[in-house]
Amino acid sequence: MKRIVTVTVLNQSGVLNRITGLFTRRQFNIESITVGPTETEGISKITVIVHVEDDRTAEQVLKQLNKQVDVLKVADITEQAVVSRELALIKVLTTPQTRAEINVIIEPFRATIIDVAKDSVTIQVVGNFEKIEAMIDLLRPYGIKDMARTGQTALKRGSQKQVLDAKPTTLLNY
């Protein structure tokens, strides 16, 4: 089962290594990890998307994260209403004839072309995992030359009323 875990830490040398080492020792697969400074100087937030076997295992991971020296706060926000985003930069092969087609494809995704070369364009798209995957699938026939993704980062919504879609257990990420 996939879990979204946020870890607020002191921005110290080696803290990220200790956090990822904990997941490695337990043989958990980290799907994505993002790290960045918070509004408070010297404090960073780590967002980890991790696959765990069950709720008991997830609880053990949270307890072990809380025991780490530079960890200030740990939260499993999987079941809460969250806002999550990922950034992807995608370099797509183009010809003068296909550039207009690519513009039409990326427009509904609110993506932008941030670099143009003779034989390619680089596109920036921000959204949830599904949105980015959908755009990649549409661009794949043109030839993806290179791609970089940030991984998912997430925050709890200001209001914690869960917003559900047609499937009763799926949270919508706006």
C-alpha atoms as a PDB file:
ATOM      1  CA  MET A   1       0.000   0.000   0.000  1.00  0.00           C
ATOM      2  CA  LYS A   2       1.251   3.470  -0.896  1.00  0.00           C
ATOM      3  CA  ARG A   3       1.702   5.982   1.949  1.00  0.00           C
ATOM      4  CA  ILE A   4       2.424   9.722   1.900  1.00  0.00           C
ATOM      5  CA  VAL A   5       4.689  10.604   4.824  1.00  0.00           C
ATOM      6  CA  THR A   6       5.942  14.091   5.674  1.00  0.00           C
ATOM      7  CA  VAL A   7       8.957  14.535   7.923  1.00  0.00           C
ATOM      8  CA  THR A   8       9.923  17.943   9.318  1.00  0.00           C
ATOM      9  CA  VAL A   9      13.639  17.994  10.166  1.00  0.00           C
ATOM     10  CA  LEU A  10      16.479  20.226  11.252  1.00  0.00           C
ATOM     11  CA  ASN A  11      18.423  21.124   8.139  1.00  0.00           C
ATOM     12  CA  GLN A  12      21.632  19.352   9.189  1.00  0.00           C
ATOM     13  CA  SER A  13      24.271  17.494   7.228  1.00  0.00           C
ATOM     14  CA  GLY A  14      23.453  13.779   6.927  1.00  0.00           C
ATOM     15  CA  VAL A  15      19.800  13.947   7.994  1.00  0.00           C
ATOM     16  CA  LEU A  16      18.490  12.887   4.571  1.00  0.00           C
ATOM     17  CA  ASN A  17      20.939   9.979   4.501  1.00  0.00           C
ATOM     18  CA  ARG A  18      19.706   8.778   7.902  1.00  0.00           C
ATOM     19  CA  ILE A  19      16.059   9.044   6.853  1.00  0.00           C
ATOM     20  CA  THR A  20      16.530   7.150   3.584  1.00  0.00           C
ATOM     21  CA  GLY A  21      18.767   4.643   5.352  1.00  0.00           C
ATOM     22  CA  LEU A  22      15.898   3.789   7.673  1.00  0.00           C
ATOM     23  CA  PHE A  23      13.698   2.936   4.677  1.00  0.00           C
ATOM     24  CA  THR A  24      16.543   0.981   3.049  1.00  0.00           C
ATOM     25  CA  ARG A  25      17.185  -1.139   6.141  1.00  0.00           C
ATOM     26  CA  ARG A  26      13.505  -2.080   6.255  1.00  0.00           C
ATOM     27  CA  GLN A  27      13.578  -2.785   2.483  1.00  0.00           C
ATOM     28  CA  PHE A  28      10.770  -0.351   1.706  1.00  0.00           C
ATOM     29  CA  ASN A  29      10.588   0.970  -1.826  1.00  0.00           C
ATOM     30  CA  ILE A  30      10.643   4.775  -1.917  1.00  0.00           C
ATOM     31  CA  GLU A  31       8.553   5.774  -4.940  1.00  0.00           C
ATOM     32  CA  SER A  32       9.483   9.438  -4.647  1.00  0.00           C
ATOM     33  CA  ILE A  33      11.151  11.778  -2.202  1.00  0.00           C
ATOM     34  CA  THR A  34      11.264  15.560  -2.178  1.00  0.00           C
ATOM     35  CA  VAL A  35      13.113  17.833   0.214  1.00  0.00           C
ATOM     36  CA  GLY A  36      13.034  21.573   0.596  1.00  0.00           C
ATOM     37  CA  PRO A  37      13.302  24.382   3.115  1.00  0.00           C
ATOM     38  CA  THR A  38      10.215  25.477   5.040  1.00  0.00           C
ATOM     39  CA  GLU A  39       9.111  28.949   6.059  1.00  0.00           C
ATOM     40  CA  THR A  40      11.345  28.625   9.134  1.00  0.00           C
ATOM     41  CA  GLU A  41      15.084  29.066   8.629  1.00  0.00           C
ATOM     42  CA  GLY A  42      17.053  25.895   9.394  1.00  0.00           C
ATOM     43  CA  ILE A  43      14.011  23.612   9.045  1.00  0.00           C
ATOM     44  CA  SER A  44      13.273  21.412   6.012  1.00  0.00           C
ATOM     45  CA  LYS A  45      10.345  19.232   5.034  1.00  0.00           C
ATOM     46  CA  ILE A  46      10.751  15.833   3.421  1.00  0.00           C
ATOM     47  CA  THR A  47       7.831  14.249   1.555  1.00  0.00           C
ATOM     48  CA  VAL A  48       8.207  10.508   0.995  1.00  0.00           C
ATOM     49  CA  ILE A  49       5.904   8.334  -1.076  1.00  0.00           C
ATOM     50  CA  VAL A  50       6.623   4.806   0.108  1.00  0.00           C
ATOM     51  CA  HIS A  51       5.142   1.338  -0.376  1.00  0.00           C
ATOM     52  CA  VAL A  52       4.537  -0.613   2.841  1.00  0.00           C
ATOM     53  CA  GLU A  53       2.881  -3.966   3.461  1.00  0.00           C
ATOM     54  CA  ASP A  54       0.159  -2.965   5.926  1.00  0.00           C
ATOM     55  CA  ASP A  55      -0.937  -0.410   8.531  1.00  0.00           C
ATOM     56  CA  ARG A  56       1.124  -2.058  11.282  1.00  0.00           C
ATOM     57  CA  THR A  57       4.295  -1.750   9.197  1.00  0.00           C
ATOM     58  CA  ALA A  58       3.472   1.879   8.386  1.00  0.00           C
ATOM     59  CA  GLU A  59       3.044   2.602  12.090  1.00  0.00           C
ATOM     60  CA  GLN A  60       6.459   1.064  12.851  1.00  0.00           C
ATOM     61  CA  VAL A  61       8.097   3.261  10.203  1.00  0.00           C
ATOM     62  CA  LEU A  62       6.501   6.389  11.705  1.00  0.00           C
ATOM     63  CA  LYS A  63       7.703   5.467  15.195  1.00  0.00           C
ATOM     64  CA  GLN A  64      11.247   4.835  13.947  1.00  0.00           C
ATOM     65  CA  LEU A  65      11.280   8.124  12.035  1.00  0.00           C
ATOM     66  CA  ASN A  66      10.207   9.945  15.206  1.00  0.00           C
ATOM     67  CA  LYS A  67      13.219   8.469  17.039  1.00  0.00           C
ATOM     68  CA  GLN A  68      15.714  10.014  14.595  1.00  0.00           C
ATOM     69  CA  VAL A  69      17.875  12.756  16.151  1.00  0.00           C
ATOM     70  CA  ASP A  70      17.105  15.669  13.789  1.00  0.00           C
ATOM     71  CA  VAL A  71      13.423  14.814  13.210  1.00  0.00           C
ATOM     72  CA  LEU A  72      10.965  17.367  14.618  1.00  0.00           C
ATOM     73  CA  LYS A  73       7.652  15.999  13.345  1.00  0.00           C
ATOM     74  CA  VAL A  74       6.392  12.999  11.362  1.00  0.00           C
ATOM     75  CA  ALA A  75       2.946  12.714   9.776  1.00  0.00           C
ATOM     76  CA  ASP A  76       1.284  10.092   7.611  1.00  0.00           C
ATOM     77  CA  ILE A  77      -1.089  12.225   5.534  1.00  0.00           C
ATOM     78  CA  THR A  78      -2.299   9.419   3.262  1.00  0.00           C
ATOM     79  CA  GLU A  79      -5.853   9.378   4.641  1.00  0.00           C
ATOM     80  CA  GLN A  80      -6.166  13.153   4.950  1.00  0.00           C
ATOM     81  CA  ALA A  81      -7.298  15.724   2.418  1.00  0.00           C
ATOM     82  CA  VAL A  82      -4.101  16.853   0.718  1.00  0.00           C
ATOM     83  CA  VAL A  83      -2.853  19.083  -2.054  1.00  0.00           C
ATOM     84  CA  SER A  84      -0.078  17.360  -3.981  1.00  0.00           C
ATOM     85  CA  ARG A  85       1.972  18.321  -7.011  1.00  0.00           C
ATOM     86  CA  GLU A  86       4.875  17.146  -9.092  1.00  0.00           C
ATOM     87  CA  LEU A  87       6.950  18.997 -11.688  1.00  0.00           C
ATOM     88  CA  ALA A  88       8.125  17.367 -14.901  1.00  0.00           C
ATOM     89  CA  LEU A  89      10.422  18.719 -17.604  1.00  0.00           C
ATOM     90  CA  ILE A  90      10.021  16.792 -20.846  1.00  0.00           C
ATOM     91  CA  LYS A  91      12.197  17.244 -23.925  1.00  0.00           C
ATOM     92  CA  VAL A  92      10.261  16.117 -27.008  1.00  0.00           C
ATOM     93  CA  LEU A  93      11.621  15.655 -30.524  1.00  0.00           C
ATOM     94  CA  THR A  94       9.953  17.998 -33.010  1.00  0.00           C
ATOM     95  CA  THR A  95       9.931  19.150 -36.579  1.00  0.00           C
ATOM     96  CA  PRO A  96       8.498  22.463 -37.750  1.00  0.00           C
ATOM     97  CA  GLN A  97       5.340  20.545 -38.714  1.00  0.00           C
ATOM     98  CA  THR A  98       4.836  18.827 -35.325  1.00  0.00           C
ATOM     99  CA  ARG A  99       5.372  21.899 -33.110  1.00  0.00           C
ATOM    100  CA  ALA A 100       1.810  23.116 -33.613  1.00  0.00           C
ATOM    101  CA  GLU A 101       0.448  19.640 -32.818  1.00  0.00           C
ATOM    102  CA  ILE A 102       2.459  19.515 -29.605  1.00  0.00           C
ATOM    103  CA  ASN A 103       1.150  22.944 -28.586  1.00  0.00           C
ATOM    104  CA  VAL A 104      -2.417  21.681 -29.018  1.00  0.00           C
ATOM    105  CA  ILE A 105      -1.652  18.557 -26.949  1.00  0.00           C
ATOM    106  CA  ILE A 106      -0.100  20.401 -23.982  1.00  0.00           C
ATOM    107  CA  GLU A 107      -2.620  23.260 -23.789  1.00  0.00           C
ATOM    108  CA  PRO A 108      -5.338  21.368 -21.824  1.00  0.00           C
ATOM    109  CA  PHE A 109      -2.669  20.327 -19.295  1.00  0.00           C
ATOM    110  CA  ARG A 110      -1.706  23.975 -18.700  1.00  0.00           C
ATOM    111  CA  ALA A 111       1.835  23.010 -19.606  1.00  0.00           C
ATOM    112  CA  THR A 112       4.297  25.468 -21.123  1.00  0.00           C
ATOM    113  CA  ILE A 113       7.152  25.270 -23.561  1.00  0.00           C
ATOM    114  CA  ILE A 114      10.202  26.627 -21.757  1.00  0.00           C
ATOM    115  CA  ASP A 115      12.900  25.927 -24.375  1.00  0.00           C
ATOM    116  CA  VAL A 116      12.894  25.576 -28.144  1.00  0.00           C
ATOM    117  CA  ALA A 117      15.708  24.077 -30.194  1.00  0.00           C
ATOM    118  CA  LYS A 118      15.988  23.156 -33.855  1.00  0.00           C
ATOM    119  CA  ASP A 119      14.909  19.559 -33.292  1.00  0.00           C
ATOM    120  CA  SER A 120      13.163  19.630 -29.889  1.00  0.00           C
ATOM    121  CA  VAL A 121      11.066  21.527 -27.358  1.00  0.00           C
ATOM    122  CA  THR A 122      11.244  21.303 -23.580  1.00  0.00           C
ATOM    123  CA  ILE A 123       7.896  21.311 -21.828  1.00  0.00           C
ATOM    124  CA  GLN A 124       7.179  22.100 -18.174  1.00  0.00           C
ATOM    125  CA  VAL A 125       4.096  20.580 -16.554  1.00  0.00           C
ATOM    126  CA  VAL A 126       2.938  20.726 -12.940  1.00  0.00           C
ATOM    127  CA  GLY A 127       0.205  18.522 -11.519  1.00  0.00           C
ATOM    128  CA  ASN A 128      -0.596  15.271  -9.832  1.00  0.00           C
ATOM    129  CA  PHE A 129       0.948  11.974 -10.894  1.00  0.00           C
ATOM    130  CA  GLU A 130      -1.971  10.977 -13.134  1.00  0.00           C
ATOM    131  CA  LYS A 131      -1.978  14.276 -15.043  1.00  0.00           C
ATOM    132  CA  ILE A 132       1.735  14.066 -15.771  1.00  0.00           C
ATOM    133  CA  GLU A 133       1.503  10.413 -16.826  1.00  0.00           C
ATOM    134  CA  ALA A 134      -1.393  11.238 -19.184  1.00  0.00           C
ATOM    135  CA  MET A 135       0.586  13.999 -20.880  1.00  0.00           C
ATOM    136  CA  ILE A 136       3.675  11.797 -21.203  1.00  0.00           C
ATOM    137  CA  ASP A 137       1.547   9.110 -22.873  1.00  0.00           C
ATOM    138  CA  LEU A 138       0.290  11.653 -25.425  1.00  0.00           C
ATOM    139  CA  LEU A 139       3.802  12.970 -26.128  1.00  0.00           C
ATOM    140  CA  ARG A 140       5.491   9.561 -26.355  1.00  0.00           C
ATOM    141  CA  PRO A 141       4.646   9.014 -30.089  1.00  0.00           C
ATOM    142  CA  TYR A 142       6.610  12.176 -30.959  1.00  0.00           C
ATOM    143  CA  GLY A 143       9.714  10.823 -29.237  1.00  0.00           C
ATOM    144  CA  ILE A 144      10.734  11.790 -25.724  1.00  0.00           C
ATOM    145  CA  LYS A 145      14.415  12.686 -25.840  1.00  0.00           C
ATOM    146  CA  ASP A 146      14.874  13.359 -22.110  1.00  0.00           C
ATOM    147  CA  MET A 147      12.797  13.802 -18.982  1.00  0.00           C
ATOM    148  CA  ALA A 148      13.257  14.892 -15.357  1.00  0.00           C
ATOM    149  CA  ARG A 149      10.637  14.686 -12.609  1.00  0.00           C
ATOM    150  CA  THR A 150      10.714  16.092  -9.106  1.00  0.00           C
ATOM    151  CA  GLY A 151       8.592  13.498  -7.366  1.00  0.00           C
ATOM    152  CA  GLN A 152       5.434  14.301  -5.474  1.00  0.00           C
ATOM    153  CA  THR A 153       5.298  16.879  -2.716  1.00  0.00           C
ATOM    154  CA  ALA A 154       2.223  17.329  -0.553  1.00  0.00           C
ATOM    155  CA  LEU A 155       0.596  19.400   2.182  1.00  0.00           C
ATOM    156  CA  LYS A 156      -2.544  18.836   4.198  1.00  0.00           C
ATOM    157  CA  ARG A 157      -5.399  21.022   3.034  1.00  0.00           C
ATOM    158  CA  GLY A 158      -6.445  23.903   5.266  1.00  0.00           C
ATOM    159  CA  SER A 159      -9.835  22.275   5.736  1.00  0.00           C
ATOM    160  CA  GLN A 160      -9.724  18.601   6.585  1.00  0.00           C
ATOM    161  CA  LYS A 161     -13.098  17.630   5.140  1.00  0.00           C
ATOM    162  CA  GLN A 162     -12.240  14.888   2.699  1.00  0.00           C
ATOM    163  CA  VAL A 163     -13.270  15.466  -0.896  1.00  0.00           C
ATOM    164  CA  LEU A 164     -14.183  12.160  -2.503  1.00  0.00           C
ATOM    165  CA  ASP A 165     -14.668  11.303  -6.155  1.00  0.00           C
ATOM    166  CA  ALA A 166     -16.816   8.481  -7.593  1.00  0.00           C
ATOM    167  CA  LYS A 167     -14.675   5.843  -5.857  1.00  0.00           C
ATOM    168  CA  PRO A 168     -15.321   6.139  -2.116  1.00  0.00           C
ATOM    169  CA  THR A 169     -11.669   5.721  -1.085  1.00  0.00           C
ATOM    170  CA  THR A 170      -9.945   8.015  -3.587  1.00  0.00           C
ATOM    171  CA  LEU A 171      -9.016  11.546  -2.556  1.00  0.00           C
ATOM    172  CA  LEU A 172      -9.016  14.172  -5.255  1.00  0.00           C
ATOM    173  CA  ASN A 173      -5.884  16.307  -5.511  1.00  0.00           C
ATOM    174  CA  TYR A 174      -6.701  19.715  -6.924  1.00  0.00           C
END
